[in-house]
Every structure is written in structure tokens, then in C-alpha cells.
């Protein structure tokens, strides 16, 4: 199961992928973000990449 981390206080170190549901404001570790470990993000990356490719191809 893929774990989504919502609580900044449980993060240890810096090996996380941050998804910010807003415009980037030059800061990391935002309280409105969700976080994935690198391993967990690797499981969903193919779906994101496939969707991005489909969107790119439909723009032609």
C-alpha cells in the first residue's frame, strides 16, 4: 500500500517527494503539501508519466 504523509512532524531527513497543491512560493516542506517516500513515489510515477504523455500527445 502506498503511504501518503500529511503530517510534517513525522518526516525524518529529506528523502521525500513533496506535492504542493498550490503555486510554488520558493519554500519547501509546506503544511498544505502531501509527501511520499522515494520508494512509494516510484510506484505512482508510471501513472503520472503515462498521463503526462497522453496529455502531451493530445496537444499536437
PDB file of N, CA and C in Angstrom:
ATOM      1  N   UNK A   1       0.846  -1.175   0.000  1.00  0.00           N
ATOM      2  CA  UNK A   1       0.000   0.000   0.000  1.00  0.00           C
ATOM      3  C   UNK A   1       0.898   1.247   0.000  1.00  0.00           C
ATOM      4  N   UNK A   2       0.498   2.226  -0.760  1.00  0.00           N
ATOM      5  CA  UNK A   2       1.255   3.479  -0.833  1.00  0.00           C
ATOM      6  C   UNK A   2       0.830   4.384   0.310  1.00  0.00           C
ATOM      7  N   UNK A   3       1.802   4.834   1.071  1.00  0.00           N
ATOM      8  CA  UNK A   3       1.526   5.717   2.208  1.00  0.00           C
ATOM      9  C   UNK A   3       1.650   7.176   1.778  1.00  0.00           C
ATOM     10  N   UNK A   4       0.623   7.947   2.062  1.00  0.00           N
ATOM     11  CA  UNK A   4       0.656   9.391   1.855  1.00  0.00           C
ATOM     12  C   UNK A   4       0.870  10.022   3.214  1.00  0.00           C
ATOM     13  N   UNK A   5       1.876  10.873   3.320  1.00  0.00           N
ATOM     14  CA  UNK A   5       2.207  11.511   4.595  1.00  0.00           C
ATOM     15  C   UNK A   5       1.646  12.930   4.589  1.00  0.00           C
ATOM     16  N   UNK A   6       0.836  13.226   5.581  1.00  0.00           N
ATOM     17  CA  UNK A   6       0.216  14.545   5.705  1.00  0.00           C
ATOM     18  C   UNK A   6       0.842  15.379   6.818  1.00  0.00           C
ATOM     19  N   UNK A   7       1.457  14.728   7.770  1.00  0.00           N
ATOM     20  CA  UNK A   7       1.949  15.376   8.981  1.00  0.00           C
ATOM     21  C   UNK A   7       3.450  15.635   8.882  1.00  0.00           C
ATOM     22  N   UNK A   8       3.838  16.903   8.833  1.00  0.00           N
ATOM     23  CA  UNK A   8       5.255  17.268   8.729  1.00  0.00           C
ATOM     24  C   UNK A   8       6.091  16.733   9.889  1.00  0.00           C
ATOM     25  N   UNK A   9       5.485  16.551  11.041  1.00  0.00           N
ATOM     26  CA  UNK A   9       6.249  16.144  12.218  1.00  0.00           C
ATOM     27  C   UNK A   9       6.768  14.708  12.125  1.00  0.00           C
ATOM     28  N   UNK A  10       6.229  13.904  11.212  1.00  0.00           N
ATOM     29  CA  UNK A  10       6.708  12.527  11.090  1.00  0.00           C
ATOM     30  C   UNK A  10       7.835  12.379  10.071  1.00  0.00           C
ATOM     31  N   UNK A  11       8.139  13.444   9.360  1.00  0.00           N
ATOM     32  CA  UNK A  11       9.206  13.386   8.361  1.00  0.00           C
ATOM     33  C   UNK A  11      10.565  13.376   9.050  1.00  0.00           C
ATOM     34  N   UNK A  12      11.427  12.462   8.609  1.00  0.00           N
ATOM     35  CA  UNK A  12      12.780  12.371   9.140  1.00  0.00           C
ATOM     36  C   UNK A  12      13.748  12.451   7.967  1.00  0.00           C
ATOM     37  N   UNK A  13      14.673  13.375   8.006  1.00  0.00           N
ATOM     38  CA  UNK A  13      15.602  13.528   6.896  1.00  0.00           C
ATOM     39  C   UNK A  13      14.980  14.313   5.756  1.00  0.00           C
ATOM     40  N   UNK A  14      15.453  14.023   4.542  1.00  0.00           N
ATOM     41  CA  UNK A  14      14.963  14.808   3.407  1.00  0.00           C
ATOM     42  C   UNK A  14      14.673  13.955   2.173  1.00  0.00           C
ATOM     43  N   UNK A  15      14.506  12.673   2.328  1.00  0.00           N
ATOM     44  CA  UNK A  15      14.266  11.792   1.185  1.00  0.00           C
ATOM     45  C   UNK A  15      12.777  11.607   0.929  1.00  0.00           C
ATOM     46  N   UNK A  16      12.105  12.699   0.607  1.00  0.00           N
ATOM     47  CA  UNK A  16      10.669  12.672   0.358  1.00  0.00           C
ATOM     48  C   UNK A  16      10.351  13.451  -0.913  1.00  0.00           C
ATOM     49  N   UNK A  17       9.250  13.093  -1.533  1.00  0.00           N
ATOM     50  CA  UNK A  17       8.726  13.843  -2.672  1.00  0.00           C
ATOM     51  C   UNK A  17       7.560  14.658  -2.141  1.00  0.00           C
ATOM     52  N   UNK A  18       7.619  15.968  -2.360  1.00  0.00           N
ATOM     53  CA  UNK A  18       6.569  16.874  -1.877  1.00  0.00           C
ATOM     54  C   UNK A  18       5.656  17.252  -3.033  1.00  0.00           C
ATOM     55  N   UNK A  19       4.362  17.107  -2.823  1.00  0.00           N
ATOM     56  CA  UNK A  19       3.352  17.525  -3.797  1.00  0.00           C
ATOM     57  C   UNK A  19       2.616  18.710  -3.185  1.00  0.00           C
ATOM     58  N   UNK A  20       2.796  19.871  -3.787  1.00  0.00           N
ATOM     59  CA  UNK A  20       2.198  21.109  -3.286  1.00  0.00           C
ATOM     60  C   UNK A  20       0.961  21.445  -4.106  1.00  0.00           C
ATOM     61  N   UNK A  21      -0.206  21.540  -3.495  1.00  0.00           N
ATOM     62  CA  UNK A  21      -1.436  21.827  -4.235  1.00  0.00           C
ATOM     63  C   UNK A  21      -1.649  23.319  -4.457  1.00  0.00           C
ATOM     64  N   UNK A  22      -0.609  24.014  -4.823  1.00  0.00           N
ATOM     65  CA  UNK A  22      -0.669  25.465  -4.978  1.00  0.00           C
ATOM     66  C   UNK A  22       0.502  25.900  -5.849  1.00  0.00           C
ATOM     67  N   UNK A  23       0.621  27.163  -6.085  1.00  0.00           N
ATOM     68  CA  UNK A  23       1.752  27.731  -6.812  1.00  0.00           C
ATOM     69  C   UNK A  23       2.978  27.701  -5.903  1.00  0.00           C
ATOM     70  N   UNK A  24       4.123  27.295  -6.476  1.00  0.00           N
ATOM     71  CA  UNK A  24       5.356  27.247  -5.696  1.00  0.00           C
ATOM     72  C   UNK A  24       5.740  28.659  -5.251  1.00  0.00           C
ATOM     73  N   UNK A  25       6.048  28.804  -3.966  1.00  0.00           N
ATOM     74  CA  UNK A  25       6.349  30.117  -3.389  1.00  0.00           C
ATOM     75  C   UNK A  25       7.786  30.222  -2.893  1.00  0.00           C
ATOM     76  N   UNK A  26       8.655  29.343  -3.384  1.00  0.00           N
ATOM     77  CA  UNK A  26      10.059  29.401  -3.005  1.00  0.00           C
ATOM     78  C   UNK A  26      10.375  28.739  -1.676  1.00  0.00           C
ATOM     79  N   UNK A  27       9.444  27.979  -1.128  1.00  0.00           N
ATOM     80  CA  UNK A  27       9.660  27.304   0.145  1.00  0.00           C
ATOM     81  C   UNK A  27       9.289  25.831   0.022  1.00  0.00           C
ATOM     82  N   UNK A  28       9.986  25.010   0.779  1.00  0.00           N
ATOM     83  CA  UNK A  28       9.697  23.576   0.821  1.00  0.00           C
ATOM     84  C   UNK A  28       9.089  23.215   2.165  1.00  0.00           C
ATOM     85  N   UNK A  29       8.598  21.984   2.258  1.00  0.00           N
ATOM     86  CA  UNK A  29       8.018  21.467   3.493  1.00  0.00           C
ATOM     87  C   UNK A  29       6.814  22.309   3.928  1.00  0.00           C
ATOM     88  N   UNK A  30       5.889  22.515   3.000  1.00  0.00           N
ATOM     89  CA  UNK A  30       4.679  23.295   3.257  1.00  0.00           C
ATOM     90  C   UNK A  30       3.640  22.457   3.988  1.00  0.00           C
ATOM     91  N   UNK A  31       2.930  23.078   4.907  1.00  0.00           N
ATOM     92  CA  UNK A  31       1.933  22.352   5.686  1.00  0.00           C
ATOM     93  C   UNK A  31       0.742  21.893   4.838  1.00  0.00           C
ATOM     94  N   UNK A  32       0.519  22.519   3.683  1.00  0.00           N
ATOM     95  CA  UNK A  32      -0.581  22.109   2.811  1.00  0.00           C
ATOM     96  C   UNK A  32      -0.171  21.014   1.823  1.00  0.00           C
ATOM     97  N   UNK A  33       1.095  20.630   1.830  1.00  0.00           N
ATOM     98  CA  UNK A  33       1.599  19.606   0.915  1.00  0.00           C
ATOM     99  C   UNK A  33       1.321  18.203   1.442  1.00  0.00           C
ATOM    100  N   UNK A  34       1.409  17.241   0.522  1.00  0.00           N
ATOM    101  CA  UNK A  34       1.454  15.841   0.911  1.00  0.00           C
ATOM    102  C   UNK A  34       2.832  15.323   0.511  1.00  0.00           C
ATOM    103  N   UNK A  35       3.263  14.260   1.164  1.00  0.00           N
ATOM    104  CA  UNK A  35       4.611  13.747   0.952  1.00  0.00           C
ATOM    105  C   UNK A  35       4.582  12.238   0.723  1.00  0.00           C
ATOM    106  N   UNK A  36       5.522  11.779  -0.093  1.00  0.00           N
ATOM    107  CA  UNK A  36       5.719  10.361  -0.344  1.00  0.00           C
ATOM    108  C   UNK A  36       7.188  10.040  -0.095  1.00  0.00           C
ATOM    109  N   UNK A  37       7.470   8.829   0.403  1.00  0.00           N
ATOM    110  CA  UNK A  37       8.859   8.399   0.419  1.00  0.00           C
ATOM    111  C   UNK A  37       9.269   8.186  -1.030  1.00  0.00           C
ATOM    112  N   UNK A  38      10.561   8.154  -1.294  1.00  0.00           N
ATOM    113  CA  UNK A  38      11.024   7.922  -2.663  1.00  0.00           C
ATOM    114  C   UNK A  38      10.528   6.578  -3.180  1.00  0.00           C
ATOM    115  N   UNK A  39      10.543   5.565  -2.331  1.00  0.00           N
ATOM    116  CA  UNK A  39      10.072   4.235  -2.749  1.00  0.00           C
ATOM    117  C   UNK A  39       8.598   4.258  -3.132  1.00  0.00           C
ATOM    118  N   UNK A  40       7.775   4.864  -2.304  1.00  0.00           N
ATOM    119  CA  UNK A  40       6.342   4.928  -2.596  1.00  0.00           C
ATOM    120  C   UNK A  40       6.061   5.750  -3.844  1.00  0.00           C
ATOM    121  N   UNK A  41       6.787   6.830  -4.031  1.00  0.00           N
ATOM    122  CA  UNK A  41       6.578   7.658  -5.217  1.00  0.00           C
ATOM    123  C   UNK A  41       6.918   6.876  -6.485  1.00  0.00           C
ATOM    124  N   UNK A  42       7.891   5.988  -6.374  1.00  0.00           N
ATOM    125  CA  UNK A  42       8.261   5.155  -7.518  1.00  0.00           C
ATOM    126  C   UNK A  42       7.117   4.295  -8.019  1.00  0.00           C
ATOM    127  N   UNK A  43       6.196   3.921  -7.133  1.00  0.00           N
ATOM    128  CA  UNK A  43       5.038   3.124  -7.540  1.00  0.00           C
ATOM    129  C   UNK A  43       4.020   3.936  -8.335  1.00  0.00           C
ATOM    130  N   UNK A  44       3.876   5.217  -8.033  1.00  0.00           N
ATOM    131  CA  UNK A  44       2.868   6.024  -8.745  1.00  0.00           C
ATOM    132  C   UNK A  44       3.460   6.804  -9.916  1.00  0.00           C
ATOM    133  N   UNK A  45       4.772   6.882 -10.002  1.00  0.00           N
ATOM    134  CA  UNK A  45       5.403   7.639 -11.081  1.00  0.00           C
ATOM    135  C   UNK A  45       4.998   7.144 -12.472  1.00  0.00           C
ATOM    136  N   UNK A  46       4.926   5.843 -12.732  1.00  0.00           N
ATOM    137  CA  UNK A  46       4.497   5.411 -14.076  1.00  0.00           C
ATOM    138  C   UNK A  46       3.116   5.931 -14.464  1.00  0.00           C
ATOM    139  N   UNK A  47       2.200   6.012 -13.509  1.00  0.00           N
ATOM    140  CA  UNK A  47       0.863   6.534 -13.813  1.00  0.00           C
ATOM    141  C   UNK A  47       0.923   8.009 -14.155  1.00  0.00           C
ATOM    142  N   UNK A  48       1.739   8.762 -13.434  1.00  0.00           N
ATOM    143  CA  UNK A  48       1.896  10.190 -13.708  1.00  0.00           C
ATOM    144  C   UNK A  48       2.557  10.386 -15.068  1.00  0.00           C
ATOM    145  N   UNK A  49       3.585   9.606 -15.340  1.00  0.00           N
ATOM    146  CA  UNK A  49       4.302   9.732 -16.614  1.00  0.00           C
ATOM    147  C   UNK A  49       3.399   9.382 -17.782  1.00  0.00           C
ATOM    148  N   UNK A  50       2.595   8.326 -17.646  1.00  0.00           N
ATOM    149  CA  UNK A  50       1.674   7.937 -18.707  1.00  0.00           C
ATOM    150  C   UNK A  50       0.648   9.021 -18.954  1.00  0.00           C
ATOM    151  N   UNK A  51       0.087   9.569 -17.896  1.00  0.00           N
ATOM    152  CA  UNK A  51      -0.911  10.637 -18.030  1.00  0.00           C
ATOM    153  C   UNK A  51      -0.296  11.875 -18.677  1.00  0.00           C
ATOM    154  N   UNK A  52       0.932  12.203 -18.306  1.00  0.00           N
ATOM    155  CA  UNK A  52       1.620  13.364 -18.883  1.00  0.00           C
ATOM    156  C   UNK A  52       1.857  13.158 -20.370  1.00  0.00           C
ATOM    157  N   UNK A  53       2.237  11.950 -20.748  1.00  0.00           N
ATOM    158  CA  UNK A  53       2.473  11.649 -22.160  1.00  0.00           C
ATOM    159  C   UNK A  53       1.174  11.738 -22.956  1.00  0.00           C
ATOM    160  N   UNK A  54       0.090  11.212 -22.414  1.00  0.00           N
ATOM    161  CA  UNK A  54      -1.198  11.279 -23.096  1.00  0.00           C
ATOM    162  C   UNK A  54      -1.627  12.745 -23.280  1.00  0.00           C
ATOM    163  N   UNK A  55      -1.443  13.542 -22.241  1.00  0.00           N
ATOM    164  CA  UNK A  55      -1.794  14.967 -22.329  1.00  0.00           C
ATOM    165  C   UNK A  55      -0.932  15.665 -23.371  1.00  0.00           C
ATOM    166  N   UNK A  56       0.358  15.381 -23.369  1.00  0.00           N
ATOM    167  CA  UNK A  56       1.267  15.990 -24.342  1.00  0.00           C
ATOM    168  C   UNK A  56       0.892  15.614 -25.765  1.00  0.00           C
ATOM    169  N   UNK A  57       0.594  14.353 -25.995  1.00  0.00           N
ATOM    170  CA  UNK A  57       0.229  13.908 -27.336  1.00  0.00           C
ATOM    171  C   UNK A  57      -1.095  14.503 -27.805  1.00  0.00           C
ATOM    172  N   UNK A  58      -2.001  14.728 -26.897  1.00  0.00           N
ATOM    173  CA  UNK A  58      -3.306  15.285 -27.288  1.00  0.00           C
ATOM    174  C   UNK A  58      -3.209  16.778 -27.609  1.00  0.00           C
ATOM    175  N   UNK A  59      -2.109  17.425 -27.258  1.00  0.00           N
ATOM    176  CA  UNK A  59      -1.926  18.837 -27.538  1.00  0.00           C
ATOM    177  C   UNK A  59      -1.431  19.093 -28.947  1.00  0.00           C
ATOM    178  N   UNK A  60      -1.028  18.057 -29.645  1.00  0.00           N
ATOM    179  CA  UNK A  60      -0.497  18.219 -31.005  1.00  0.00           C
ATOM    180  C   UNK A  60      -1.581  18.470 -32.011  1.00  0.00           C
TER     181      UNK A  60
END
